[in-house]
Structures are given as structure tokens and as C-alpha cells.
Amino acid sequence: MIQAAIIGLGRWGRNLVESVQHSSNQIQFTLAVVQNLDKHRDFAQSKNLQLSDRFQDALEDLAIQLIVIATPHNLHIKQIVAAANAGKNVLCEKPLALSVQEAQIAIDACKAFGVQLGVGHDKRYWPSMQALQKVVLSGSLGNLIHIEGNFSNENSKIISSVWRNEPENIPGGSITATGIHIVDAFVNLMGPISKVQGKYIAHKNSKEFHDSMSLLCEFESGTTGVISSVRPTPLFWRIHIFGDLGSAEVNGQNMMNIYSQGKSVEVQQFEPLNALRFQLELMARSIENTEPYPMGEKQMINTVKAFVASAKALDEGIVIKTK
């Protein structure tokens, strides 16, 4: 059983804890590090968590093998490096970093101290997305030509976090909040992105914040892609890959449609999966078996490269090449 500490008990930190606490036989959280102890006492007590307002307590606890980071984006690198220096494995929420250089620092620190590094791209583990990856790898779609993706949600309307509105934490607006999941899916399915161009529009009125984003992508392979995101609107996820023999479209966590010439649409449905639990238990098994976390260094860097370029393209309204 892997003992873990959660750093940050905001909405997502609590989701991570709830996904495994009192139900997993592979990982459990024993400590939560927060800024405001009183705010989180009831939750911590219900989940049998010790509370601390000192990050150092997590680093000094010899029983803790994994640090799970769910803090503002601009804190990630400092916390990852500190955890690695203390010999702790790390699972960091997305984005891993706000620059390619910082991402490499995090990766190098974990390699230097022989600890695992994972990134919280939980949408990779949705049953529909795992099935889509198998279709792509099978070659049944033929030569891949184009990919489209949209991830929209209404979190900006129903959830208030001051740091999520700070410019240093949300480059590119909704590309950071939601679109990064599509960026990672694109890299995972189609390979490195070489060039991006986009448009980001933000609207703020007396009641709520609205934004929309559209991004054109070119891959190193020569294929093309389109990413879009809208906030706030009801939760919606779609990825559609087009090849010269057919196409495959994912709608949400548990459904995929396959389109082939001369055939009726093949609809596949999958059993629901708690992707956060799957991800945490995957990290636990990687630690126990001393096997690399499935998302390797190259993909981590390629996703950050594409994310950073996308944010810059959206903020500045220009074409950006990944570096």
C-alpha cells in the first residue's frame, strides 16, 4: 500500500482524495498540506487525513512515498524539485509546467534522485480514449489525415478560485483550463505538434466569465488538427480522427463511433471507469514495481511544448512554432 500526501485541497485535490480513500488497496492518502487549516478540518477528518500547513512536513515524513500536487500552476516546479530532493515520487496535476525549460528541470530532478514523475492527464485513461488509441495503432483508419477535438465545461460558472483568474496561471485562457487535455490527447494519438495558430476571445459581464478558443495545429507528421473550447457551457468532450480508410469519433468517456466506407456506423459503448482512481493506482504500481510511469519523458516534453506554443499563439494571435 503506497502512502501519499496531497498538496492542495481545492476542488481537484478533494476529487483525487475521494477517488481512492477508503476504497483502494493500492494507495491511500495520510497527509494533506493546505494554507487554511480550519477550512479543511471537516473534510480531513472524514477522510482520516492529518492536516498541515507546512510542505516540509510531507517531505520529512518517512512513511510517505508519493507527493500528489494539486496546487496553482506556477508552484508546480518548485514543489516537484523539493519532493524529488527529498526522495519522494511525484504525481503533478496538469500542466506539468508553464515553460519547456521548467518541465525539463522537473524531469531532470526526478531522474537525478531516482524517483517517479507522473502528470495528471486523467482523460488518457477514459475507456473511450483507450479504445481510440487502439484503433489508431491498429492501422484500420489507414493513413491519418486530420484530427478534431473539443473539451468544454461550465466550471468557470460554478467554481470560484482566485488563482485560476491570475494571468500567470492561465496563459491562453481556456487552453490552460480545459484545452490542455485535448492538446495532450493530440500528442498522444498523433505525435508531436510543430506549429499552432489560434484565436481566443474573452467576455466578462456582471454575472459570469465567458471565453472561447479555436486553435489550428500542424503536426510533425504533416497531418492537421483543430482544437476548440468554450466556457461556460455544459460538459462536452469530442475527439474525431480522420484517415483515408475511415474515421473514429469519441463522445465523452464511454462512447466511440467508427465510420467505414460502405458500412453502417459502428457504435461502441464502454463500462464507466473512475479515471482519477485508475491514474493514482497506476502511479502506485509504477512505484511498487519500479517501472516507469506510462507517460514517458518525451511525451511530457512534447505536451508542454505544444501547450506553451498554443497559449502564446492564443494570447498574441500569431503563428507559433513549438521549440
Protein backbone atom coordinates (compact mmCIF):
# COMPACT_ATOMS: atom_id res chain seq x y z
CA MET A 1 0.00 0.00 0.00
CA ILE A 2 1.51 3.31 -1.12
CA GLN A 3 1.25 6.14 1.41
CA ALA A 4 0.66 9.54 -0.22
CA ALA A 5 0.38 13.21 0.67
CA ILE A 6 -1.92 15.58 -1.20
CA ILE A 7 -0.67 19.14 -1.63
CA GLY A 8 -3.72 21.35 -2.02
CA LEU A 9 -7.31 20.51 -1.10
CA GLY A 10 -9.20 22.61 -3.58
CA ARG A 11 -11.89 21.06 -5.75
CA TRP A 12 -9.48 18.87 -7.67
CA GLY A 13 -7.37 17.91 -4.68
CA ARG A 14 -10.51 16.69 -2.95
CA ASN A 15 -11.56 14.77 -6.07
CA LEU A 16 -8.22 12.97 -6.05
CA VAL A 17 -8.54 12.01 -2.40
CA GLU A 18 -12.16 10.88 -2.76
CA SER A 19 -11.31 8.67 -5.74
CA VAL A 20 -9.24 6.26 -3.63
CA GLN A 21 -9.64 6.96 0.08
CA HIS A 22 -11.22 4.07 2.00
CA SER A 23 -11.71 2.14 -1.25
CA SER A 24 -8.32 1.35 -2.81
CA ASN A 25 -5.99 -1.39 -1.61
CA GLN A 26 -3.06 0.09 -3.55
CA ILE A 27 -2.84 3.70 -2.36
CA GLN A 28 -4.10 5.87 0.48
CA PHE A 29 -3.61 9.49 1.48
CA THR A 30 -2.35 10.07 5.00
CA LEU A 31 -1.49 13.79 4.96
CA ALA A 32 -2.91 16.92 3.34
CA VAL A 33 -0.93 20.15 3.11
CA VAL A 34 -3.10 23.28 2.87
CA GLN A 35 -2.87 27.00 3.53
CA ASN A 36 -6.00 27.34 5.68
CA LEU A 37 -6.26 24.55 8.25
CA ASP A 38 -9.69 25.50 9.57
CA LYS A 39 -11.23 25.47 6.09
CA HIS A 40 -10.36 21.82 5.56
CA ARG A 41 -10.68 20.23 9.03
CA ASP A 42 -14.06 18.59 8.43
CA PHE A 43 -13.03 17.08 5.11
CA ALA A 44 -9.70 15.88 6.51
CA GLN A 45 -11.42 14.24 9.46
CA SER A 46 -13.93 12.48 7.20
CA LYS A 47 -11.08 11.07 5.10
CA ASN A 48 -8.80 10.19 8.02
CA LEU A 49 -6.19 12.72 6.90
CA GLN A 50 -3.65 14.54 9.00
CA LEU A 51 -3.52 18.26 8.21
CA SER A 52 -0.52 20.54 7.96
CA ASP A 53 0.22 23.99 6.60
CA ARG A 54 3.90 23.09 6.07
CA PHE A 55 5.00 21.43 2.82
CA GLN A 56 8.14 20.38 4.69
CA ASP A 57 6.08 18.02 6.85
CA ALA A 58 5.23 15.94 3.77
CA LEU A 59 8.88 15.87 2.72
CA GLU A 60 10.12 14.79 6.16
CA ASP A 61 7.54 12.04 6.74
CA LEU A 62 9.47 8.83 6.06
CA ALA A 63 6.28 6.81 5.53
CA ILE A 64 5.13 8.95 2.61
CA GLN A 65 6.28 7.60 -0.76
CA LEU A 66 4.25 9.79 -3.11
CA ILE A 67 3.57 13.52 -3.26
CA VAL A 68 0.46 14.44 -5.27
CA ILE A 69 0.49 18.10 -6.32
CA ALA A 70 -2.83 19.90 -6.88
CA THR A 71 -1.70 23.49 -6.37
CA PRO A 72 -1.64 26.64 -8.57
CA HIS A 73 0.30 26.02 -11.77
CA ASN A 74 3.13 28.45 -11.02
CA LEU A 75 4.05 26.47 -7.89
CA HIS A 76 4.49 23.10 -9.58
CA ILE A 77 8.18 23.18 -10.44
CA LYS A 78 9.41 24.37 -7.06
CA GLN A 79 7.34 21.70 -5.33
CA ILE A 80 8.38 18.91 -7.72
CA VAL A 81 12.06 19.68 -7.29
CA ALA A 82 11.72 19.82 -3.49
CA ALA A 83 9.89 16.48 -3.45
CA ALA A 84 12.49 14.86 -5.69
CA ASN A 85 15.29 16.17 -3.47
CA ALA A 86 13.53 14.50 -0.52
CA GLY A 87 13.37 11.19 -2.39
CA LYS A 88 9.61 11.34 -2.94
CA ASN A 89 7.82 10.18 -6.09
CA VAL A 90 5.60 12.84 -7.64
CA LEU A 91 2.26 12.94 -9.44
CA CYS A 92 1.63 16.51 -10.58
CA GLU A 93 -1.64 17.85 -11.89
CA LYS A 94 -1.62 19.37 -15.36
CA PRO A 95 0.02 21.41 -16.66
CA LEU A 96 3.34 19.98 -15.55
CA ALA A 97 4.94 23.38 -16.16
CA LEU A 98 4.33 26.76 -17.75
CA SER A 99 7.52 26.58 -19.83
CA VAL A 100 9.52 23.87 -21.57
CA GLN A 101 12.60 24.79 -19.55
CA GLU A 102 10.75 24.30 -16.27
CA ALA A 103 9.36 20.97 -17.45
CA GLN A 104 12.87 19.77 -18.19
CA ILE A 105 14.04 20.91 -14.75
CA ALA A 106 11.29 18.82 -13.13
CA ILE A 107 12.11 15.76 -15.23
CA ASP A 108 15.85 16.09 -14.60
CA ALA A 109 15.35 16.47 -10.84
CA CYS A 110 13.27 13.30 -10.63
CA LYS A 111 15.77 11.38 -12.75
CA ALA A 112 18.70 12.63 -10.66
CA PHE A 113 17.14 11.39 -7.41
CA GLY A 114 15.72 8.18 -8.87
CA VAL A 115 12.04 8.91 -8.27
CA GLN A 116 8.98 8.54 -10.50
CA LEU A 117 7.27 11.52 -12.11
CA GLY A 118 3.71 11.36 -13.39
CA VAL A 119 1.41 14.04 -14.85
CA GLY A 120 -2.33 14.18 -14.18
CA HIS A 121 -3.70 13.80 -17.70
CA ASP A 122 -6.50 11.56 -16.47
CA LYS A 123 -8.53 11.82 -19.70
CA ARG A 124 -5.97 9.49 -21.29
CA TYR A 125 -7.47 6.71 -19.20
CA TRP A 126 -11.10 7.17 -20.14
CA PRO A 127 -12.33 3.89 -21.67
CA SER A 128 -13.28 5.67 -24.90
CA MET A 129 -9.84 7.25 -25.24
CA GLN A 130 -8.03 3.98 -24.59
CA ALA A 131 -10.19 2.35 -27.24
CA LEU A 132 -9.48 5.18 -29.68
CA GLN A 133 -5.75 4.74 -29.21
CA LYS A 134 -6.07 1.03 -30.00
CA VAL A 135 -7.95 1.87 -33.21
CA VAL A 136 -5.22 4.32 -34.26
CA LEU A 137 -2.45 1.81 -33.52
CA SER A 138 -4.28 -0.95 -35.43
CA GLY A 139 -3.96 0.96 -38.70
CA SER A 140 -7.61 0.32 -39.57
CA LEU A 141 -8.19 4.02 -40.35
CA GLY A 142 -5.45 3.97 -42.98
CA ASN A 143 -3.19 6.99 -43.38
CA LEU A 144 -4.15 9.56 -40.77
CA ILE A 145 -5.06 12.94 -42.23
CA HIS A 146 -6.75 15.14 -39.62
CA ILE A 147 -7.94 15.30 -36.01
CA GLU A 148 -10.56 17.48 -34.30
CA GLY A 149 -11.10 17.98 -30.59
CA ASN A 150 -13.33 19.94 -28.22
CA PHE A 151 -13.41 19.97 -24.44
CA SER A 152 -15.81 22.46 -22.90
CA ASN A 153 -17.27 22.75 -19.43
CA GLU A 154 -19.13 25.11 -17.15
CA ASN A 155 -16.63 25.10 -14.27
CA SER A 156 -15.91 28.82 -14.64
CA LYS A 157 -19.59 29.48 -13.91
CA ILE A 158 -19.98 27.25 -10.87
CA ILE A 159 -16.50 27.23 -9.29
CA SER A 160 -14.58 30.23 -7.99
CA SER A 161 -10.80 30.06 -7.43
CA VAL A 162 -8.91 33.34 -7.30
CA TRP A 163 -5.67 31.88 -8.60
CA ARG A 164 -7.40 30.45 -11.69
CA ASN A 165 -8.06 34.02 -12.86
CA GLU A 166 -4.47 35.18 -12.42
CA PRO A 167 -2.73 35.83 -15.78
CA GLU A 168 0.44 33.99 -14.72
CA ASN A 169 -1.61 30.84 -14.08
CA ILE A 170 -3.87 30.86 -17.16
CA PRO A 171 -1.83 31.65 -20.28
CA GLY A 172 -4.09 31.24 -23.29
CA GLY A 173 -7.25 31.25 -21.15
CA SER A 174 -9.22 28.06 -21.69
CA ILE A 175 -6.27 26.27 -23.32
CA THR A 176 -4.90 26.01 -19.76
CA ALA A 177 -8.21 25.32 -18.05
CA THR A 178 -9.64 22.70 -20.41
CA GLY A 179 -7.93 22.67 -23.80
CA ILE A 180 -4.69 21.23 -22.44
CA HIS A 181 -6.45 17.87 -22.14
CA ILE A 182 -7.12 17.95 -25.87
CA VAL A 183 -3.54 19.06 -26.55
CA ASP A 184 -2.27 16.04 -24.62
CA ALA A 185 -4.69 13.73 -26.42
CA PHE A 186 -3.48 15.07 -29.78
CA VAL A 187 0.17 14.47 -28.86
CA ASN A 188 -0.63 11.01 -27.52
CA LEU A 189 -2.59 9.98 -30.61
CA MET A 190 -0.87 11.85 -33.46
CA GLY A 191 2.64 12.66 -32.27
CA PRO A 192 4.43 15.99 -31.74
CA ILE A 193 2.79 19.26 -32.81
CA SER A 194 5.07 21.52 -34.85
CA LYS A 195 3.02 24.69 -35.40
CA VAL A 196 -0.10 26.35 -33.97
CA GLN A 197 -2.27 29.35 -34.74
CA GLY A 198 -5.29 30.42 -32.72
CA LYS A 199 -7.93 32.87 -31.62
CA TYR A 200 -9.04 33.46 -28.04
CA ILE A 201 -12.00 35.64 -27.10
CA ALA A 202 -12.88 36.54 -23.51
CA HIS A 203 -16.13 38.17 -22.40
CA LYS A 204 -16.81 39.33 -18.88
CA ASN A 205 -20.13 40.74 -17.71
CA SER A 206 -21.63 41.43 -14.31
CA LYS A 207 -22.70 37.83 -13.79
CA GLU A 208 -20.03 35.47 -15.12
CA PHE A 209 -16.98 34.94 -17.30
CA HIS A 210 -17.23 33.56 -20.84
CA ASP A 211 -14.45 32.61 -23.19
CA SER A 212 -14.00 30.63 -26.37
CA MET A 213 -10.91 29.38 -28.11
CA SER A 214 -10.08 27.91 -31.54
CA LEU A 215 -6.67 26.56 -32.47
CA LEU A 216 -5.25 25.26 -35.74
CA CYS A 217 -2.48 22.68 -35.39
CA GLU A 218 0.11 21.19 -37.71
CA PHE A 219 1.91 18.01 -36.69
CA GLU A 220 5.47 16.98 -37.45
CA SER A 221 3.95 14.15 -39.49
CA GLY A 222 2.24 16.68 -41.78
CA THR A 223 -1.28 15.99 -40.51
CA THR A 224 -3.54 18.79 -39.31
CA GLY A 225 -5.81 19.39 -36.33
CA VAL A 226 -8.37 21.75 -34.82
CA ILE A 227 -8.89 22.33 -31.08
CA SER A 228 -11.79 24.30 -29.63
CA SER A 229 -13.12 25.03 -26.17
CA VAL A 230 -15.98 27.06 -24.75
CA ARG A 231 -16.56 28.20 -21.16
CA PRO A 232 -19.10 28.15 -19.65
CA THR A 233 -21.27 25.60 -21.39
CA PRO A 234 -22.40 22.12 -20.29
CA LEU A 235 -19.66 19.47 -20.19
CA PHE A 236 -18.75 18.24 -23.67
CA TRP A 237 -15.86 16.09 -24.95
CA ARG A 238 -15.28 15.06 -28.54
CA ILE A 239 -12.25 13.82 -30.48
CA HIS A 240 -12.53 12.72 -34.10
CA ILE A 241 -9.64 11.23 -36.10
CA PHE A 242 -9.89 11.03 -39.89
CA GLY A 243 -7.96 8.60 -42.08
CA ASP A 244 -8.19 7.69 -45.76
CA LEU A 245 -9.93 4.38 -44.91
CA GLY A 246 -12.23 5.54 -42.15
CA SER A 247 -12.63 7.71 -39.09
CA ALA A 248 -13.25 7.25 -35.37
CA GLU A 249 -15.05 9.64 -33.06
CA VAL A 250 -15.11 9.65 -29.27
CA ASN A 251 -18.01 11.32 -27.46
CA GLY A 252 -17.43 11.59 -23.73
CA GLN A 253 -15.91 8.94 -21.51
CA ASN A 254 -17.77 5.84 -22.67
CA MET A 255 -18.72 6.01 -26.36
CA MET A 256 -16.93 5.73 -29.69
CA ASN A 257 -18.30 5.77 -33.26
CA ILE A 258 -16.35 4.17 -36.11
CA TYR A 259 -17.10 5.23 -39.69
CA SER A 260 -16.02 3.00 -42.60
CA GLN A 261 -16.75 3.23 -46.31
CA GLY A 262 -19.81 1.23 -47.32
CA LYS A 263 -20.70 0.26 -43.75
CA SER A 264 -23.13 1.46 -41.12
CA VAL A 265 -21.72 3.44 -38.23
CA GLU A 266 -20.29 1.10 -35.59
CA VAL A 267 -21.21 2.37 -32.11
CA GLN A 268 -19.13 1.09 -29.21
CA GLN A 269 -20.03 1.71 -25.57
CA PHE A 270 -17.83 1.03 -22.57
CA GLU A 271 -18.24 0.46 -18.86
CA PRO A 272 -17.62 3.58 -16.76
CA LEU A 273 -14.20 3.97 -15.15
CA ASN A 274 -13.00 6.24 -12.34
CA ALA A 275 -10.08 7.74 -14.25
CA LEU A 276 -8.63 9.51 -11.22
CA ARG A 277 -8.50 6.27 -9.25
CA PHE A 278 -7.07 4.43 -12.26
CA GLN A 279 -4.35 7.07 -12.60
CA LEU A 280 -3.42 7.05 -8.91
CA GLU A 281 -3.30 3.26 -8.76
CA LEU A 282 -1.24 3.22 -11.94
CA MET A 283 1.24 5.52 -10.22
CA ALA A 284 1.23 3.29 -7.14
CA ARG A 285 2.01 0.20 -9.21
CA SER A 286 4.80 2.05 -11.01
CA ILE A 287 6.38 2.90 -7.64
CA GLU A 288 5.99 -0.59 -6.20
CA ASN A 289 7.31 -2.32 -9.32
CA THR A 290 9.98 0.34 -10.02
CA GLU A 291 8.66 0.62 -13.57
CA PRO A 292 8.47 3.93 -15.47
CA TYR A 293 5.13 5.73 -15.38
CA PRO A 294 3.48 5.08 -18.79
CA MET A 295 3.65 8.72 -19.90
CA GLY A 296 7.34 8.98 -20.71
CA GLU A 297 9.70 11.96 -20.67
CA LYS A 298 9.42 12.59 -24.40
CA GLN A 299 5.62 12.83 -24.30
CA MET A 300 5.71 15.03 -21.21
CA ILE A 301 8.00 17.47 -23.02
CA ASN A 302 6.04 17.30 -26.29
CA THR A 303 2.77 18.06 -24.47
CA VAL A 304 4.33 21.02 -22.64
CA LYS A 305 5.88 22.29 -25.88
CA ALA A 306 2.51 22.18 -27.63
CA PHE A 307 0.71 23.72 -24.64
CA VAL A 308 3.19 26.60 -24.28
CA ALA A 309 3.11 27.33 -28.03
CA SER A 310 -0.70 27.16 -28.05
CA ALA A 311 -1.01 29.58 -25.13
CA LYS A 312 1.35 32.03 -26.81
CA ALA A 313 -0.46 31.75 -30.14
CA LEU A 314 -3.80 32.43 -28.44
CA ASP A 315 -2.53 35.31 -26.30
CA GLU A 316 -0.72 37.02 -29.17
CA GLY A 317 -2.84 35.99 -32.15
CA ILE A 318 0.14 34.82 -34.18
CA VAL A 319 1.57 31.59 -35.63
CA ILE A 320 3.93 29.87 -33.17
CA LYS A 321 6.32 27.02 -33.84
CA THR A 322 7.00 24.63 -30.96
CA LYS A 323 10.53 24.71 -29.56
